[in-house]
Amino acid sequence: MKAIICKQFGPPSSLMFEDVKSPKPNEKEVLVQVKACGVNFPDTLIIQGLYQFKPELPFTPGSDIAGVVKEVGSKISHVKPGDEVFGFVTHGGYAEEVAIPGNSCFLIPKGMKFPVAASFMMAYGTSYYALKDRGQLKKDDTLVVLGASGGVGLAAVELGKLMGARVIAVASSTEKLELCRAYGADVVINYDTEDLKSRIKEVTHGKGANVVFDPVGGRYAEPAIRGLAWEGRYLVVGFAAGTIPKIPLNLTLLKGSAIVGVFWGSFAMKTPDKNMQNTLELMKWYTTGKLKPHIHRVYPLAEAHNALEDMMNRKVKGKAVIECS
């Protein structure tokens, strides 16, 4: 089978497109013929050796997959060969076949196309876990979403509105902010041209935000925290800006606020039953037309490096997807 191989940590241009041996599932795994794989920002970090964990070289990147079941392990009963599924794996998705854990494999809802299914799990799973379980977002709360036009950001905008919040979307261009408005944002802020803390205070009439969803980090983190309301929750989702911020902890004392970590991958692996419940809730919203993933572009497997470069250069709005077979 064909796969993208990372033989040494480095930029997307260092990745190889090669023939490799097909994987064999163990008793608790599902072998999937991959039709599509979502591109996520952590993929750009993993190939450079900059993520929380470093796979042993050589490895295939990619986590968010959708495809057709080829084979199941002896302890798998909820899916069978021929089923259309989507799922999550720590790495290995940029390939024509991948073995994924059975508890991370779900049947695709009727009518959902493979590129959409491959755009769903990580973006919506992360954002819903962040807002529901970590941020405890409530109806009529004010939610600020940084990096709001990206995959997890746009999902957070959409979910925030569904959960009854007033959503303030923050991004770096007029085009990106227009997309956020189309996905339900009540207010938009351009953090390249406007002062983030002042604008949050202005649009909340001095009260601040109840929840900040931040997949960006860098220089935007501290002003976002300063824009929190009393007992606000700042959700640490990622560091797309490339730097991990250092926060003056007196800010949490003065505001009675909380800085809360969001690591959906660990949540999904450590508490699969809770993740299953969240996924079923998301599927219900999708099948009733309340969630509509935005596909930026579909790239062929051989051009996976171009998808990763576009991600790193902040060209992707919504989700980039790799078509694998």
Protein backbone atom coordinates (compact mmCIF):
# COMPACT_ATOMS: atom_id res chain seq x y z
CA MET A 1 0.00 0.00 0.00
CA LYS A 2 0.98 3.66 -0.43
CA ALA A 3 1.66 5.88 2.57
CA ILE A 4 3.28 9.13 3.60
CA ILE A 5 6.40 8.38 5.65
CA CYS A 6 8.25 10.62 8.08
CA LYS A 7 11.81 9.23 8.25
CA GLN A 8 13.33 12.23 10.01
CA PHE A 9 11.78 15.13 11.87
CA GLY A 10 11.52 18.18 9.66
CA PRO A 11 9.27 20.28 7.39
CA PRO A 12 6.52 18.84 5.15
CA SER A 13 8.91 18.80 2.21
CA SER A 14 10.96 16.09 3.95
CA LEU A 15 8.08 13.58 3.92
CA MET A 16 8.26 10.57 1.58
CA PHE A 17 5.50 8.91 -0.47
CA GLU A 18 6.31 5.20 -0.57
CA ASP A 19 5.06 1.63 -0.70
CA VAL A 20 4.87 0.03 2.75
CA LYS A 21 3.54 -3.19 4.23
CA SER A 22 -0.17 -3.25 5.10
CA PRO A 23 -0.87 -3.31 8.86
CA LYS A 24 -2.43 -6.29 10.63
CA PRO A 25 -5.08 -5.50 13.28
CA ASN A 26 -4.82 -7.01 16.74
CA GLU A 27 -7.83 -8.49 18.58
CA LYS A 28 -9.13 -5.05 19.63
CA GLU A 29 -8.44 -3.18 16.38
CA VAL A 30 -10.20 -2.50 13.07
CA LEU A 31 -8.36 -2.46 9.76
CA VAL A 32 -9.74 0.35 7.60
CA GLN A 33 -9.23 1.07 3.92
CA VAL A 34 -8.75 4.81 4.26
CA LYS A 35 -10.81 6.96 1.90
CA ALA A 36 -10.01 10.31 3.50
CA CYS A 37 -7.92 11.70 6.35
CA GLY A 38 -8.37 15.10 7.97
CA VAL A 39 -5.38 17.42 8.33
CA ASN A 40 -4.98 18.82 11.84
CA PHE A 41 -2.51 21.35 13.21
CA PRO A 42 -0.85 18.77 15.51
CA ASP A 43 0.19 16.90 12.33
CA THR A 44 2.48 19.84 11.48
CA LEU A 45 4.08 19.58 14.92
CA ILE A 46 4.43 15.79 15.00
CA ILE A 47 6.44 15.67 11.77
CA GLN A 48 8.84 18.28 13.22
CA GLY A 49 9.23 16.48 16.56
CA LEU A 50 7.52 19.37 18.37
CA TYR A 51 4.37 17.67 19.68
CA GLN A 52 3.66 16.35 23.20
CA PHE A 53 4.76 12.90 22.08
CA LYS A 54 7.21 11.79 19.42
CA PRO A 55 6.38 8.62 17.47
CA GLU A 56 9.29 6.29 16.82
CA LEU A 57 10.80 6.92 13.39
CA PRO A 58 9.83 6.10 10.71
CA PHE A 59 6.10 6.72 11.05
CA THR A 60 3.05 7.87 9.09
CA PRO A 61 1.27 11.03 10.33
CA GLY A 62 -2.50 11.54 10.34
CA SER A 63 -5.19 10.92 12.96
CA ASP A 64 -8.69 11.70 11.63
CA ILE A 65 -9.71 8.93 9.23
CA ALA A 66 -12.77 7.76 7.32
CA GLY A 67 -13.08 4.68 5.15
CA VAL A 68 -14.32 1.12 4.75
CA VAL A 69 -13.69 -1.74 7.18
CA LYS A 70 -11.48 -4.47 5.66
CA GLU A 71 -10.93 -6.68 8.70
CA VAL A 72 -11.79 -6.72 12.41
CA GLY A 73 -10.05 -8.20 15.44
CA SER A 74 -11.58 -11.13 17.34
CA LYS A 75 -12.97 -8.88 20.10
CA ILE A 76 -14.66 -6.39 17.75
CA SER A 77 -18.42 -6.76 17.31
CA HIS A 78 -19.83 -3.27 16.67
CA VAL A 79 -18.50 -3.02 13.09
CA LYS A 80 -17.87 -5.57 10.33
CA PRO A 81 -16.06 -5.76 6.97
CA GLY A 82 -17.75 -3.51 4.42
CA ASP A 83 -19.02 -0.96 6.96
CA GLU A 84 -18.29 2.70 6.32
CA VAL A 85 -16.64 4.15 9.42
CA PHE A 86 -14.73 7.11 10.77
CA GLY A 87 -12.31 7.12 13.66
CA PHE A 88 -9.21 8.35 15.41
CA VAL A 89 -5.68 7.01 15.69
CA THR A 90 -2.57 8.62 17.24
CA HIS A 91 -0.79 8.43 13.87
CA GLY A 92 -0.91 6.39 10.67
CA GLY A 93 -3.83 8.02 8.82
CA TYR A 94 -1.97 9.33 5.75
CA ALA A 95 -2.05 5.88 4.17
CA GLU A 96 -4.26 3.63 2.10
CA GLU A 97 -4.87 1.36 5.13
CA VAL A 98 -4.62 1.81 8.90
CA ALA A 99 -5.44 -0.25 11.99
CA ILE A 100 -7.36 1.79 14.57
CA PRO A 101 -8.59 0.99 18.12
CA GLY A 102 -12.09 -0.43 18.14
CA ASN A 103 -13.27 2.05 20.79
CA SER A 104 -12.27 4.92 18.47
CA CYS A 105 -14.16 3.55 15.44
CA PHE A 106 -17.73 4.64 14.66
CA LEU A 107 -20.24 3.97 11.89
CA ILE A 108 -20.63 6.89 9.49
CA PRO A 109 -24.14 8.38 9.60
CA LYS A 110 -26.21 7.86 6.48
CA GLY A 111 -25.47 10.48 3.85
CA MET A 112 -22.16 11.66 5.33
CA LYS A 113 -19.41 11.73 2.69
CA PHE A 114 -15.91 10.47 3.50
CA PRO A 115 -14.20 13.91 3.40
CA VAL A 116 -16.79 15.28 5.83
CA ALA A 117 -16.46 12.25 8.12
CA ALA A 118 -12.68 12.71 8.13
CA SER A 119 -13.19 16.35 9.14
CA PHE A 120 -15.42 15.56 12.08
CA MET A 121 -13.85 13.53 14.85
CA MET A 122 -10.92 15.63 16.02
CA ALA A 123 -12.32 19.11 15.34
CA TYR A 124 -15.80 18.64 16.77
CA GLY A 125 -14.66 16.14 19.39
CA THR A 126 -12.04 18.55 20.72
CA SER A 127 -14.31 21.58 20.64
CA TYR A 128 -17.29 19.86 22.27
CA TYR A 129 -15.14 18.31 24.99
CA ALA A 130 -13.57 21.72 25.59
CA LEU A 131 -16.82 23.67 25.79
CA LYS A 132 -19.02 21.09 27.51
CA ASP A 133 -16.71 19.17 29.84
CA ARG A 134 -13.82 21.56 30.49
CA GLY A 135 -15.36 25.00 30.02
CA GLN A 136 -18.82 24.14 31.36
CA LEU A 137 -20.32 26.54 28.83
CA LYS A 138 -23.88 27.54 29.71
CA LYS A 139 -26.75 29.15 27.86
CA ASP A 140 -26.27 32.94 27.61
CA ASP A 141 -22.55 32.74 28.47
CA THR A 142 -20.21 34.84 26.38
CA LEU A 143 -17.68 32.70 24.49
CA VAL A 144 -14.55 34.09 22.82
CA VAL A 145 -12.99 31.81 20.18
CA LEU A 146 -9.42 32.56 19.06
CA GLY A 147 -8.24 31.14 15.73
CA ALA A 148 -11.94 30.98 14.94
CA SER A 149 -11.64 30.18 11.22
CA GLY A 150 -9.52 27.05 11.70
CA GLY A 151 -10.79 23.51 12.10
CA VAL A 152 -11.33 23.39 15.87
CA GLY A 153 -12.06 27.12 16.06
CA LEU A 154 -14.88 27.06 13.52
CA ALA A 155 -16.32 23.97 15.23
CA ALA A 156 -16.23 25.88 18.55
CA VAL A 157 -18.07 28.82 16.97
CA GLU A 158 -20.76 26.51 15.59
CA LEU A 159 -21.10 24.48 18.80
CA GLY A 160 -21.07 27.57 21.00
CA LYS A 161 -24.12 28.91 19.18
CA LEU A 162 -25.89 25.54 19.41
CA MET A 163 -25.23 25.51 23.15
CA GLY A 164 -26.87 28.93 23.51
CA ALA A 165 -23.82 31.15 24.02
CA ARG A 166 -23.09 34.60 22.60
CA VAL A 167 -20.06 33.93 20.39
CA ILE A 168 -17.22 36.36 19.69
CA ALA A 169 -15.00 35.06 16.89
CA VAL A 170 -11.39 36.22 16.64
CA ALA A 171 -9.28 35.74 13.50
CA SER A 172 -6.68 37.50 11.35
CA SER A 173 -8.49 38.62 8.19
CA THR A 174 -11.80 39.94 6.90
CA GLU A 175 -12.29 36.83 4.76
CA LYS A 176 -11.79 34.51 7.74
CA LEU A 177 -14.14 36.56 9.91
CA GLU A 178 -16.84 36.48 7.22
CA LEU A 179 -16.71 32.68 7.37
CA CYS A 180 -17.09 32.87 11.16
CA ARG A 181 -20.18 35.07 10.78
CA ALA A 182 -21.63 32.51 8.37
CA TYR A 183 -21.14 29.87 11.09
CA GLY A 184 -23.03 31.91 13.68
CA ALA A 185 -20.58 34.35 15.29
CA ASP A 186 -22.42 37.29 16.88
CA VAL A 187 -19.37 39.57 16.99
CA VAL A 188 -16.00 39.37 15.22
CA ILE A 189 -12.59 40.76 16.15
CA ASN A 190 -9.53 41.02 13.89
CA TYR A 191 -6.62 40.48 16.27
CA ASP A 192 -4.10 41.66 13.69
CA THR A 193 -5.64 45.15 13.55
CA GLU A 194 -7.56 45.53 16.86
CA ASP A 195 -6.55 45.41 20.52
CA LEU A 196 -7.92 42.09 21.75
CA LYS A 197 -8.45 42.85 25.43
CA SER A 198 -10.02 46.28 24.78
CA ARG A 199 -12.38 44.92 22.13
CA ILE A 200 -13.51 42.02 24.35
CA LYS A 201 -14.26 44.50 27.13
CA GLU A 202 -16.03 46.82 24.69
CA VAL A 203 -18.32 44.22 23.12
CA THR A 204 -19.18 42.70 26.52
CA HIS A 205 -19.95 46.13 28.02
CA GLY A 206 -17.09 45.79 30.48
CA LYS A 207 -18.14 42.39 31.85
CA GLY A 208 -15.63 40.22 29.98
CA ALA A 209 -16.01 36.72 28.57
CA ASN A 210 -17.19 33.71 30.55
CA VAL A 211 -15.15 31.30 28.43
CA VAL A 212 -12.15 31.77 26.12
CA PHE A 213 -11.36 28.94 23.69
CA ASP A 214 -7.71 29.28 22.64
CA PRO A 215 -5.99 26.98 20.10
CA VAL A 216 -3.50 29.75 19.22
CA GLY A 217 -1.49 30.71 22.32
CA GLY A 218 1.49 33.00 21.75
CA ARG A 219 1.03 36.72 22.30
CA TYR A 220 -2.77 36.51 22.24
CA ALA A 221 -3.11 34.40 25.38
CA GLU A 222 -2.49 37.04 28.05
CA PRO A 223 -4.82 39.71 26.59
CA ALA A 224 -7.49 37.03 26.20
CA ILE A 225 -7.15 36.09 29.86
CA ARG A 226 -7.29 39.77 30.81
CA GLY A 227 -10.57 39.87 28.88
CA LEU A 228 -12.19 37.21 31.09
CA ALA A 229 -15.14 37.92 33.34
CA TRP A 230 -15.17 37.10 37.07
CA GLU A 231 -14.82 33.29 37.44
CA GLY A 232 -14.16 32.97 33.71
CA ARG A 233 -12.58 29.85 32.18
CA TYR A 234 -9.63 30.04 29.78
CA LEU A 235 -9.33 26.83 27.73
CA VAL A 236 -5.83 25.85 26.61
CA VAL A 237 -6.43 23.97 23.36
CA GLY A 238 -3.16 24.41 21.46
CA PHE A 239 -0.35 26.68 20.34
CA ALA A 240 -0.80 27.37 16.64
CA ALA A 241 1.12 30.64 17.04
CA GLY A 242 4.21 28.52 17.65
CA THR A 243 5.08 29.71 21.15
CA ILE A 244 3.83 28.61 24.58
CA PRO A 245 2.86 31.71 26.60
CA LYS A 246 3.97 32.44 30.15
CA ILE A 247 1.02 33.76 32.15
CA PRO A 248 1.19 36.03 35.26
CA LEU A 249 -0.76 33.89 37.74
CA ASN A 250 -1.97 36.93 39.66
CA LEU A 251 -4.50 37.36 36.83
CA THR A 252 -6.28 34.18 37.91
CA LEU A 253 -6.39 35.42 41.51
CA LEU A 254 -7.77 38.85 40.61
CA LYS A 255 -10.50 37.40 38.40
CA GLY A 256 -11.20 34.19 40.32
CA SER A 257 -10.63 32.57 36.95
CA ALA A 258 -9.44 29.14 35.87
CA ILE A 259 -6.88 28.09 33.27
CA VAL A 260 -8.06 24.70 32.03
CA GLY A 261 -6.15 22.24 29.85
CA VAL A 262 -7.92 20.53 26.92
CA PHE A 263 -6.35 17.34 25.54
CA TRP A 264 -9.10 15.55 23.68
CA GLY A 265 -6.90 12.67 22.50
CA SER A 266 -6.12 11.61 26.08
CA PHE A 267 -9.76 12.11 27.09
CA ALA A 268 -10.88 9.84 24.24
CA MET A 269 -8.39 7.12 25.15
CA LYS A 270 -8.75 7.29 28.96
CA THR A 271 -12.56 7.65 29.10
CA PRO A 272 -13.91 6.05 25.90
CA ASP A 273 -17.45 5.77 27.29
CA LYS A 274 -17.67 9.54 27.87
CA ASN A 275 -16.15 10.21 24.46
CA MET A 276 -18.69 7.83 22.91
CA GLN A 277 -21.53 9.78 24.52
CA ASN A 278 -20.15 13.07 23.22
CA THR A 279 -19.72 11.58 19.74
CA LEU A 280 -23.31 10.31 19.69
CA GLU A 281 -24.54 13.78 20.67
CA LEU A 282 -22.48 15.34 17.87
CA MET A 283 -23.78 12.76 15.38
CA LYS A 284 -27.34 13.61 16.34
CA TRP A 285 -26.69 17.28 15.66
CA TYR A 286 -25.09 16.42 12.32
CA THR A 287 -27.92 14.16 11.16
CA THR A 288 -30.48 16.86 12.01
CA GLY A 289 -28.57 19.42 9.93
CA LYS A 290 -27.26 21.50 12.85
CA LEU A 291 -23.56 20.89 12.15
CA LYS A 292 -21.94 21.43 8.74
CA PRO A 293 -18.15 20.97 8.59
CA HIS A 294 -16.46 23.41 6.23
CA ILE A 295 -14.06 21.72 3.81
CA HIS A 296 -11.29 24.07 2.66
CA ARG A 297 -9.80 21.73 0.05
CA VAL A 298 -9.28 18.03 -0.71
CA TYR A 299 -5.67 17.03 -1.55
CA PRO A 300 -4.51 13.71 -3.08
CA LEU A 301 -2.40 11.52 -0.80
CA ALA A 302 0.76 12.18 -2.81
CA GLU A 303 0.35 15.91 -2.12
CA ALA A 304 -0.04 15.64 1.65
CA HIS A 305 3.00 17.89 2.08
CA ASN A 306 1.11 20.70 0.32
CA ALA A 307 -1.81 20.36 2.74
CA LEU A 308 0.56 20.56 5.72
CA GLU A 309 2.36 23.58 4.26
CA ASP A 310 -0.96 25.37 3.71
CA MET A 311 -1.86 24.61 7.32
CA MET A 312 1.45 26.00 8.60
CA ASN A 313 1.08 29.12 6.42
CA ARG A 314 -2.40 29.85 7.86
CA LYS A 315 -4.10 29.43 4.48
CA VAL A 316 -6.64 26.82 5.62
CA LYS A 317 -10.16 27.87 6.62
CA GLY A 318 -12.11 25.07 8.25
CA LYS A 319 -10.68 21.65 7.39
CA ALA A 320 -8.14 20.45 4.84
CA VAL A 321 -8.63 16.81 3.85
CA ILE A 322 -6.36 14.24 2.20
CA GLU A 323 -8.00 11.77 -0.20
CA CYS A 324 -6.25 8.46 0.35
CA SER A 325 -7.79 5.95 -2.03
